[in-house]
């Protein structure tokens, strides 16, 4: 059986999202694929900070120094989750306004209508 770690799964999720962005024509689907890519990046960076049998980076008197988990990627990725959610929400609101104006969400139709 092949074992997958978080880094490998994160890269696979990023590539799946990229495939969706490059192959889909619907604006909503493209936005959702970008959010999938964001989730893959978050999983990738959180997995980089993982340490086998690591403990929290809290120093205590009398405790031996064991391998510690790096808290920085986790803190930065919490911020990235919030930023990604806000950007996705704004992009979906923009897609709604585009649909109200042009009555389509197809990227090629939007380009043709913009050129006319």
N, C-alpha and C. Protein backbone atom coordinates (compact mmCIF):
# COMPACT_ATOMS: atom_id res chain seq x y z
N UNK A 1 0.84 -1.18 0.00
CA UNK A 1 0.00 0.00 0.00
C UNK A 1 0.88 1.24 0.00
N UNK A 2 0.49 2.22 -0.75
CA UNK A 2 1.25 3.47 -0.84
C UNK A 2 0.80 4.38 0.28
N UNK A 3 1.76 4.88 1.05
CA UNK A 3 1.43 5.81 2.12
C UNK A 3 1.53 7.25 1.61
N UNK A 4 0.52 8.04 1.92
CA UNK A 4 0.52 9.44 1.51
C UNK A 4 0.69 10.30 2.75
N UNK A 5 1.57 11.28 2.65
CA UNK A 5 1.68 12.25 3.74
C UNK A 5 0.99 13.53 3.31
N UNK A 6 0.93 14.48 4.23
CA UNK A 6 0.22 15.72 3.96
C UNK A 6 0.81 16.53 2.82
N UNK A 7 2.13 16.47 2.66
CA UNK A 7 2.78 17.23 1.59
C UNK A 7 2.34 16.70 0.23
N UNK A 8 2.35 15.37 0.08
CA UNK A 8 1.94 14.76 -1.18
C UNK A 8 0.48 15.05 -1.49
N UNK A 9 -0.38 14.89 -0.50
CA UNK A 9 -1.81 15.15 -0.71
C UNK A 9 -2.04 16.62 -1.03
N UNK A 10 -1.31 17.51 -0.37
CA UNK A 10 -1.43 18.94 -0.66
C UNK A 10 -1.07 19.26 -2.10
N UNK A 11 0.01 18.66 -2.59
CA UNK A 11 0.42 18.89 -3.98
C UNK A 11 -0.63 18.33 -4.95
N UNK A 12 -1.19 17.17 -4.63
CA UNK A 12 -2.23 16.58 -5.48
C UNK A 12 -3.46 17.49 -5.53
N UNK A 13 -3.86 18.03 -4.38
CA UNK A 13 -5.02 18.92 -4.33
C UNK A 13 -4.75 20.20 -5.13
N UNK A 14 -3.53 20.74 -5.02
CA UNK A 14 -3.17 21.93 -5.80
C UNK A 14 -3.27 21.63 -7.29
N UNK A 15 -2.76 20.49 -7.72
CA UNK A 15 -2.80 20.13 -9.14
C UNK A 15 -4.22 19.89 -9.63
N UNK A 16 -5.07 19.30 -8.78
CA UNK A 16 -6.48 19.11 -9.16
C UNK A 16 -7.18 20.46 -9.33
N UNK A 17 -6.90 21.38 -8.42
CA UNK A 17 -7.48 22.72 -8.56
C UNK A 17 -6.98 23.43 -9.80
N UNK A 18 -5.69 23.29 -10.10
CA UNK A 18 -5.13 23.90 -11.31
C UNK A 18 -5.75 23.30 -12.57
N UNK A 19 -5.96 21.99 -12.56
CA UNK A 19 -6.62 21.34 -13.69
C UNK A 19 -8.03 21.91 -13.89
N UNK A 20 -8.75 22.11 -12.80
CA UNK A 20 -10.09 22.68 -12.90
C UNK A 20 -10.07 24.10 -13.42
N UNK A 21 -9.11 24.90 -12.97
CA UNK A 21 -9.02 26.29 -13.44
C UNK A 21 -8.73 26.32 -14.94
N UNK A 22 -7.88 25.42 -15.41
CA UNK A 22 -7.49 25.44 -16.82
C UNK A 22 -8.53 24.82 -17.75
N UNK A 23 -9.41 23.96 -17.24
CA UNK A 23 -10.34 23.26 -18.12
C UNK A 23 -11.78 23.75 -18.03
N UNK A 24 -12.16 24.41 -16.98
CA UNK A 24 -13.55 24.85 -16.82
C UNK A 24 -13.78 26.18 -17.51
N UNK A 25 -15.02 26.39 -17.96
CA UNK A 25 -15.38 27.65 -18.60
C UNK A 25 -16.33 28.47 -17.75
N UNK A 26 -16.96 27.85 -16.76
CA UNK A 26 -17.90 28.53 -15.89
C UNK A 26 -17.14 29.31 -14.82
N UNK A 27 -17.50 30.56 -14.64
CA UNK A 27 -16.79 31.43 -13.69
C UNK A 27 -16.90 30.91 -12.26
N UNK A 28 -18.07 30.42 -11.87
CA UNK A 28 -18.26 29.91 -10.51
C UNK A 28 -17.35 28.70 -10.27
N UNK A 29 -17.28 27.80 -11.24
CA UNK A 29 -16.43 26.62 -11.10
C UNK A 29 -14.96 27.01 -11.02
N UNK A 30 -14.55 28.01 -11.78
CA UNK A 30 -13.17 28.48 -11.72
C UNK A 30 -12.85 29.04 -10.34
N UNK A 31 -13.77 29.81 -9.78
CA UNK A 31 -13.57 30.38 -8.44
C UNK A 31 -13.46 29.26 -7.41
N UNK A 32 -14.31 28.25 -7.52
CA UNK A 32 -14.26 27.14 -6.57
C UNK A 32 -12.96 26.34 -6.71
N UNK A 33 -12.48 26.18 -7.94
CA UNK A 33 -11.20 25.49 -8.14
C UNK A 33 -10.04 26.29 -7.55
N UNK A 34 -10.12 27.61 -7.62
CA UNK A 34 -9.10 28.43 -6.97
C UNK A 34 -9.12 28.23 -5.45
N UNK A 35 -10.33 28.07 -4.88
CA UNK A 35 -10.43 27.83 -3.45
C UNK A 35 -9.88 26.44 -3.09
N UNK A 36 -10.08 25.47 -3.98
CA UNK A 36 -9.50 24.14 -3.77
C UNK A 36 -7.98 24.24 -3.78
N UNK A 37 -7.43 25.03 -4.69
CA UNK A 37 -5.98 25.23 -4.72
C UNK A 37 -5.50 25.87 -3.42
N UNK A 38 -6.26 26.83 -2.92
CA UNK A 38 -5.92 27.48 -1.66
C UNK A 38 -5.89 26.45 -0.52
N UNK A 39 -6.85 25.54 -0.51
CA UNK A 39 -6.88 24.50 0.52
C UNK A 39 -5.67 23.58 0.41
N UNK A 40 -5.27 23.27 -0.82
CA UNK A 40 -4.09 22.44 -1.02
C UNK A 40 -2.82 23.11 -0.53
N UNK A 41 -2.70 24.41 -0.78
CA UNK A 41 -1.53 25.17 -0.30
C UNK A 41 -1.50 25.18 1.23
N UNK A 42 -2.66 25.35 1.84
CA UNK A 42 -2.73 25.35 3.31
C UNK A 42 -2.29 24.00 3.86
N UNK A 43 -2.81 22.91 3.29
CA UNK A 43 -2.42 21.57 3.74
C UNK A 43 -0.92 21.35 3.55
N UNK A 44 -0.38 21.80 2.43
CA UNK A 44 1.04 21.65 2.14
C UNK A 44 1.90 22.34 3.20
N UNK A 45 1.59 23.60 3.50
CA UNK A 45 2.42 24.35 4.44
C UNK A 45 2.24 23.89 5.89
N UNK A 46 1.04 23.48 6.26
CA UNK A 46 0.85 22.95 7.61
C UNK A 46 1.62 21.63 7.75
N UNK A 47 1.65 20.83 6.69
CA UNK A 47 2.38 19.57 6.72
C UNK A 47 3.89 19.79 6.79
N UNK A 48 4.37 20.90 6.25
CA UNK A 48 5.80 21.20 6.36
C UNK A 48 6.23 21.41 7.81
N UNK A 49 5.33 21.93 8.62
CA UNK A 49 5.65 22.19 10.02
C UNK A 49 5.48 20.98 10.92
N UNK A 50 5.02 19.85 10.37
CA UNK A 50 4.77 18.66 11.18
C UNK A 50 6.09 17.99 11.57
N UNK A 51 6.18 17.58 12.82
CA UNK A 51 7.34 16.85 13.32
C UNK A 51 6.82 15.57 13.96
N UNK A 52 7.39 14.42 13.58
CA UNK A 52 6.96 13.15 14.15
C UNK A 52 7.25 13.17 15.64
N UNK A 53 6.28 12.82 16.42
CA UNK A 53 6.32 12.83 17.90
C UNK A 53 6.77 14.18 18.44
N UNK A 54 6.44 15.23 17.73
CA UNK A 54 6.77 16.57 18.17
C UNK A 54 5.80 17.07 19.22
N UNK A 55 6.27 17.98 20.03
CA UNK A 55 5.43 18.56 21.08
C UNK A 55 5.27 20.05 20.81
N UNK A 56 4.33 20.64 21.52
CA UNK A 56 4.10 22.07 21.38
C UNK A 56 5.34 22.83 21.83
N UNK A 57 5.59 23.96 21.21
CA UNK A 57 6.78 24.76 21.50
C UNK A 57 6.57 25.60 22.76
N UNK A 58 6.36 24.91 23.87
CA UNK A 58 6.18 25.57 25.17
C UNK A 58 7.29 25.04 26.08
N UNK A 59 8.14 25.94 26.54
CA UNK A 59 9.24 25.53 27.39
C UNK A 59 8.80 25.46 28.83
N UNK A 60 9.23 24.41 29.51
CA UNK A 60 8.88 24.20 30.90
C UNK A 60 10.15 23.83 31.66
N UNK A 61 10.27 24.28 32.87
CA UNK A 61 11.45 23.95 33.67
C UNK A 61 11.44 22.46 34.01
N UNK A 62 12.57 21.84 33.85
CA UNK A 62 12.68 20.44 34.21
C UNK A 62 12.28 19.48 33.09
N UNK A 63 11.85 19.98 31.98
CA UNK A 63 11.46 19.11 30.88
C UNK A 63 12.60 19.04 29.87
N UNK A 64 12.87 17.86 29.38
CA UNK A 64 13.95 17.72 28.40
C UNK A 64 13.50 18.31 27.07
N UNK A 65 14.48 18.71 26.29
CA UNK A 65 14.18 19.30 24.99
C UNK A 65 13.91 18.19 23.98
N UNK A 66 12.66 18.00 23.66
CA UNK A 66 12.25 17.03 22.65
C UNK A 66 12.01 17.76 21.34
N UNK A 67 11.87 17.03 20.25
CA UNK A 67 11.55 17.71 18.99
C UNK A 67 10.24 18.49 19.13
N UNK A 68 10.26 19.72 18.64
CA UNK A 68 9.08 20.57 18.77
C UNK A 68 8.51 20.90 17.40
N UNK A 69 7.20 21.06 17.37
CA UNK A 69 6.50 21.43 16.16
C UNK A 69 6.65 22.93 15.95
N UNK A 70 6.91 23.32 14.70
CA UNK A 70 7.05 24.73 14.38
C UNK A 70 5.66 25.37 14.32
N UNK A 71 5.35 26.33 15.18
CA UNK A 71 4.00 26.91 15.19
C UNK A 71 3.78 27.98 14.11
N UNK A 72 4.85 28.46 13.49
CA UNK A 72 4.71 29.55 12.52
C UNK A 72 3.85 29.18 11.30
N UNK A 73 4.08 28.02 10.64
CA UNK A 73 3.22 27.69 9.50
C UNK A 73 1.74 27.59 9.88
N UNK A 74 1.46 27.08 11.06
CA UNK A 74 0.06 26.96 11.48
C UNK A 74 -0.57 28.34 11.69
N UNK A 75 0.17 29.25 12.28
CA UNK A 75 -0.36 30.59 12.51
C UNK A 75 -0.58 31.34 11.20
N UNK A 76 0.37 31.20 10.28
CA UNK A 76 0.25 31.88 8.99
C UNK A 76 -0.90 31.28 8.19
N UNK A 77 -1.10 29.98 8.27
CA UNK A 77 -2.17 29.34 7.51
C UNK A 77 -3.54 29.67 8.08
N UNK A 78 -3.65 29.92 9.38
CA UNK A 78 -4.92 30.41 9.92
C UNK A 78 -5.29 31.74 9.28
N UNK A 79 -4.31 32.61 9.14
CA UNK A 79 -4.55 33.88 8.46
C UNK A 79 -4.90 33.65 6.99
N UNK A 80 -4.24 32.70 6.36
CA UNK A 80 -4.50 32.40 4.96
C UNK A 80 -5.92 31.86 4.75
N UNK A 81 -6.43 31.09 5.71
CA UNK A 81 -7.79 30.58 5.61
C UNK A 81 -8.78 31.73 5.57
N UNK A 82 -8.60 32.69 6.46
CA UNK A 82 -9.51 33.84 6.51
C UNK A 82 -9.41 34.66 5.23
N UNK A 83 -8.20 34.93 4.78
CA UNK A 83 -8.00 35.73 3.57
C UNK A 83 -8.59 35.00 2.35
N UNK A 84 -8.36 33.69 2.26
CA UNK A 84 -8.91 32.92 1.14
C UNK A 84 -10.42 32.91 1.12
N UNK A 85 -11.03 32.81 2.29
CA UNK A 85 -12.49 32.83 2.37
C UNK A 85 -13.05 34.19 1.94
N UNK A 86 -12.40 35.26 2.38
CA UNK A 86 -12.87 36.60 2.01
C UNK A 86 -12.71 36.83 0.50
N UNK A 87 -11.58 36.44 -0.05
CA UNK A 87 -11.36 36.62 -1.49
C UNK A 87 -12.35 35.79 -2.30
N UNK A 88 -12.61 34.56 -1.86
CA UNK A 88 -13.59 33.73 -2.55
C UNK A 88 -14.98 34.34 -2.49
N UNK A 89 -15.36 34.88 -1.34
CA UNK A 89 -16.66 35.52 -1.20
C UNK A 89 -16.79 36.73 -2.12
N UNK A 90 -15.74 37.54 -2.18
CA UNK A 90 -15.77 38.70 -3.07
C UNK A 90 -15.81 38.29 -4.54
N UNK A 91 -15.08 37.24 -4.89
CA UNK A 91 -15.09 36.77 -6.27
C UNK A 91 -16.46 36.23 -6.65
N UNK A 92 -17.13 35.53 -5.73
CA UNK A 92 -18.47 35.03 -6.02
C UNK A 92 -19.47 36.18 -6.15
N UNK A 93 -19.32 37.22 -5.32
CA UNK A 93 -20.19 38.39 -5.45
C UNK A 93 -19.96 39.09 -6.78
N UNK A 94 -18.70 39.17 -7.21
CA UNK A 94 -18.39 39.76 -8.51
C UNK A 94 -18.97 38.92 -9.65
N UNK A 95 -18.90 37.59 -9.51
CA UNK A 95 -19.49 36.72 -10.53
C UNK A 95 -21.00 36.91 -10.60
N UNK A 96 -21.64 37.14 -9.47
CA UNK A 96 -23.08 37.41 -9.46
C UNK A 96 -23.40 38.69 -10.21
N UNK A 97 -22.60 39.73 -9.99
CA UNK A 97 -22.81 41.00 -10.70
C UNK A 97 -22.55 40.83 -12.21
N UNK A 98 -21.55 40.04 -12.56
CA UNK A 98 -21.28 39.78 -13.97
C UNK A 98 -22.47 39.06 -14.60
N UNK A 99 -23.05 38.11 -13.89
CA UNK A 99 -24.22 37.40 -14.42
C UNK A 99 -25.41 38.34 -14.59
N UNK A 100 -25.60 39.23 -13.63
CA UNK A 100 -26.70 40.19 -13.75
C UNK A 100 -26.52 41.11 -14.96
N UNK A 101 -25.29 41.44 -15.26
CA UNK A 101 -25.02 42.36 -16.38
C UNK A 101 -25.05 41.65 -17.74
N UNK A 102 -24.39 40.49 -17.84
CA UNK A 102 -24.21 39.83 -19.13
C UNK A 102 -25.09 38.59 -19.32
N UNK A 103 -25.78 38.13 -18.29
CA UNK A 103 -26.66 36.95 -18.34
C UNK A 103 -25.93 35.67 -18.74
N UNK A 104 -24.65 35.59 -18.44
CA UNK A 104 -23.88 34.38 -18.67
C UNK A 104 -22.70 34.34 -17.70
N UNK A 105 -22.24 33.11 -17.43
CA UNK A 105 -21.04 32.94 -16.62
C UNK A 105 -19.93 32.24 -17.40
N UNK A 106 -20.18 31.95 -18.68
CA UNK A 106 -19.19 31.31 -19.53
C UNK A 106 -18.11 32.33 -19.90
N UNK A 107 -16.86 31.96 -19.68
CA UNK A 107 -15.75 32.88 -19.89
C UNK A 107 -15.63 33.29 -21.35
N UNK A 108 -15.79 32.35 -22.27
CA UNK A 108 -15.67 32.69 -23.70
C UNK A 108 -16.79 33.61 -24.15
N UNK A 109 -18.01 33.37 -23.64
CA UNK A 109 -19.12 34.27 -23.98
C UNK A 109 -18.88 35.66 -23.42
N UNK A 110 -18.32 35.73 -22.22
CA UNK A 110 -18.03 37.04 -21.62
C UNK A 110 -16.99 37.80 -22.44
N UNK A 111 -15.97 37.09 -22.93
CA UNK A 111 -14.95 37.74 -23.75
C UNK A 111 -15.56 38.23 -25.06
N UNK A 112 -16.43 37.41 -25.67
CA UNK A 112 -17.08 37.82 -26.92
C UNK A 112 -18.00 39.02 -26.70
N UNK A 113 -18.75 39.02 -25.61
CA UNK A 113 -19.65 40.15 -25.33
C UNK A 113 -18.87 41.42 -25.00
N UNK A 114 -17.71 41.25 -24.38
CA UNK A 114 -16.90 42.42 -24.04
C UNK A 114 -16.29 43.02 -25.31
N UNK A 115 -15.93 42.19 -26.28
CA UNK A 115 -15.34 42.68 -27.52
C UNK A 115 -16.37 43.32 -28.43
N UNK A 116 -17.65 42.97 -28.27
CA UNK A 116 -18.71 43.55 -29.12
C UNK A 116 -19.07 44.95 -28.73
